[in-house]
Amino acid sequence: QVQLVESGGGLVQAGGSLRLSCAPSRSIAGIRTMAWYRQAPGKQRELVAGITVGSSTSYADSGKGRFAISRDNEKNTVYLLMNSLRPEDTAVYYCKFNRYGSYDYWGQGIQVTVSA
């Protein structure tokens, strides 16, 4: 069973930066869209950013101008660079890979905490 493993989370002060990474436990063929989601306590999971196999990107309004998603197709890895972090960015962040447009893999989630 393939697992997605996130890394790079942690505690940072407001205004700081973090870079999240997500890679599979083994190579997966046919990955299309890669994306990052987040879920804050008491809230629903929400899309943060997505990137297609051709590297077209999209962002939730909350992250536009501050976050940058990128991918390395050879490594099946997706990254999320988060700048100018705010306390409201505090959440568990999840990566998601879509395979052949039909099957989704999810990471286990990684905590990001932004202190005021």
Protein backbone atom coordinates (compact mmCIF):
# COMPACT_ATOMS: atom_id res chain seq x y z
CA GLN A 1 0.00 0.00 0.00
CA VAL A 2 1.46 3.34 -1.03
CA GLN A 3 1.59 6.04 1.62
CA LEU A 4 2.18 9.75 1.19
CA VAL A 5 4.56 11.19 3.74
CA GLU A 6 4.54 14.89 4.57
CA SER A 7 7.44 16.72 6.16
CA GLY A 8 8.50 20.25 7.00
CA GLY A 9 5.77 21.28 9.39
CA GLY A 10 6.26 22.70 12.86
CA LEU A 11 6.00 25.82 14.96
CA VAL A 12 6.83 29.21 13.48
CA GLN A 13 6.24 32.81 14.49
CA ALA A 14 3.85 34.99 12.55
CA GLY A 15 5.58 36.39 9.49
CA GLY A 16 7.83 33.38 9.18
CA SER A 17 8.07 30.73 6.48
CA LEU A 18 7.80 26.98 6.18
CA ARG A 19 8.25 24.60 3.28
CA LEU A 20 6.19 21.45 3.28
CA SER A 21 7.11 18.41 1.24
CA CYS A 22 5.10 15.33 0.35
CA ALA A 23 6.48 12.19 -1.24
CA PRO A 24 5.15 8.66 -1.68
CA SER A 25 6.63 5.67 0.11
CA ARG A 26 7.34 4.21 -3.32
CA SER A 27 7.07 5.43 -6.88
CA ILE A 28 3.56 5.81 -8.27
CA ALA A 29 2.80 5.96 -11.97
CA GLY A 30 0.07 8.09 -13.45
CA ILE A 31 -0.02 10.93 -10.95
CA ARG A 32 -2.04 13.84 -12.27
CA THR A 33 -3.02 16.60 -9.89
CA MET A 34 -1.16 17.13 -6.65
CA ALA A 35 -2.67 19.32 -3.98
CA TRP A 36 -2.41 20.58 -0.44
CA TYR A 37 -5.37 20.80 1.91
CA ARG A 38 -5.61 21.93 5.50
CA GLN A 39 -7.95 21.44 8.39
CA ALA A 40 -8.08 23.73 11.40
CA PRO A 41 -9.69 22.64 14.67
CA GLY A 42 -13.47 22.72 14.40
CA LYS A 43 -13.39 23.48 10.68
CA GLN A 44 -13.81 21.50 7.51
CA ARG A 45 -10.86 20.46 5.41
CA GLU A 46 -10.19 23.03 2.71
CA LEU A 47 -8.12 23.19 -0.45
CA VAL A 48 -5.02 25.33 -0.13
CA ALA A 49 -3.34 24.90 -3.51
CA GLY A 50 -3.23 22.53 -6.45
CA ILE A 51 -0.86 21.82 -9.32
CA THR A 52 -1.48 19.86 -12.50
CA VAL A 53 0.90 17.49 -14.23
CA GLY A 54 1.75 20.40 -16.56
CA SER A 55 2.49 22.60 -13.52
CA SER A 56 -0.53 24.86 -13.79
CA THR A 57 -1.29 26.10 -10.31
CA SER A 58 -4.32 27.31 -8.39
CA TYR A 59 -4.66 28.77 -4.91
CA ALA A 60 -7.31 29.47 -2.36
CA ASP A 61 -7.73 33.18 -1.76
CA SER A 62 -6.23 32.80 1.70
CA GLY A 63 -2.86 31.81 0.28
CA LYS A 64 -2.59 33.88 -2.88
CA GLY A 65 0.58 35.92 -2.91
CA ARG A 66 1.97 34.09 0.12
CA PHE A 67 2.03 30.40 -0.81
CA ALA A 68 3.70 28.68 -3.73
CA ILE A 69 3.07 25.10 -4.78
CA SER A 70 5.54 23.23 -6.95
CA ARG A 71 6.27 19.65 -7.96
CA ASP A 72 9.07 17.37 -9.04
CA ASN A 73 7.58 14.80 -11.38
CA GLU A 74 10.68 12.60 -11.36
CA LYS A 75 10.48 12.31 -7.60
CA ASN A 76 6.66 12.29 -7.40
CA THR A 77 7.07 15.04 -4.83
CA VAL A 78 5.00 18.13 -4.19
CA TYR A 79 6.07 21.16 -2.18
CA LEU A 80 4.28 24.03 -0.53
CA LEU A 81 6.30 27.11 0.33
CA MET A 82 4.42 29.24 2.80
CA ASN A 83 5.59 32.78 3.45
CA SER A 84 4.25 35.55 5.68
CA LEU A 85 2.51 32.99 7.83
CA ARG A 86 -0.37 34.09 10.03
CA PRO A 87 -1.91 32.53 13.14
CA GLU A 88 -4.97 31.68 11.06
CA ASP A 89 -2.78 29.42 8.91
CA THR A 90 -2.50 27.09 11.88
CA ALA A 91 -3.88 23.72 10.84
CA VAL A 92 -3.05 20.17 9.94
CA TYR A 93 -1.89 20.16 6.33
CA TYR A 94 -2.55 17.20 4.05
CA CYS A 95 -1.23 16.39 0.61
CA LYS A 96 -3.30 14.59 -1.97
CA PHE A 97 -2.27 12.91 -5.20
CA ASN A 98 -4.74 12.02 -7.90
CA ARG A 99 -3.83 9.01 -10.01
CA TYR A 100 -5.14 8.65 -13.55
CA GLY A 101 -7.92 11.10 -12.68
CA SER A 102 -9.77 8.49 -10.66
CA TYR A 103 -8.02 7.54 -7.43
CA ASP A 104 -6.86 9.79 -4.62
CA TYR A 105 -4.01 9.16 -2.21
CA TRP A 106 -3.90 11.18 0.99
CA GLY A 107 -1.07 11.89 3.38
CA GLN A 108 -1.45 11.40 7.10
CA GLY A 109 -1.25 15.12 7.78
CA ILE A 110 1.35 17.37 9.36
CA GLN A 111 0.85 20.08 11.95
CA VAL A 112 1.65 23.69 11.18
CA THR A 113 1.36 26.08 14.10
CA VAL A 114 1.84 29.81 13.72
CA SER A 115 2.25 31.78 16.91
CA ALA A 116 1.24 35.42 17.17
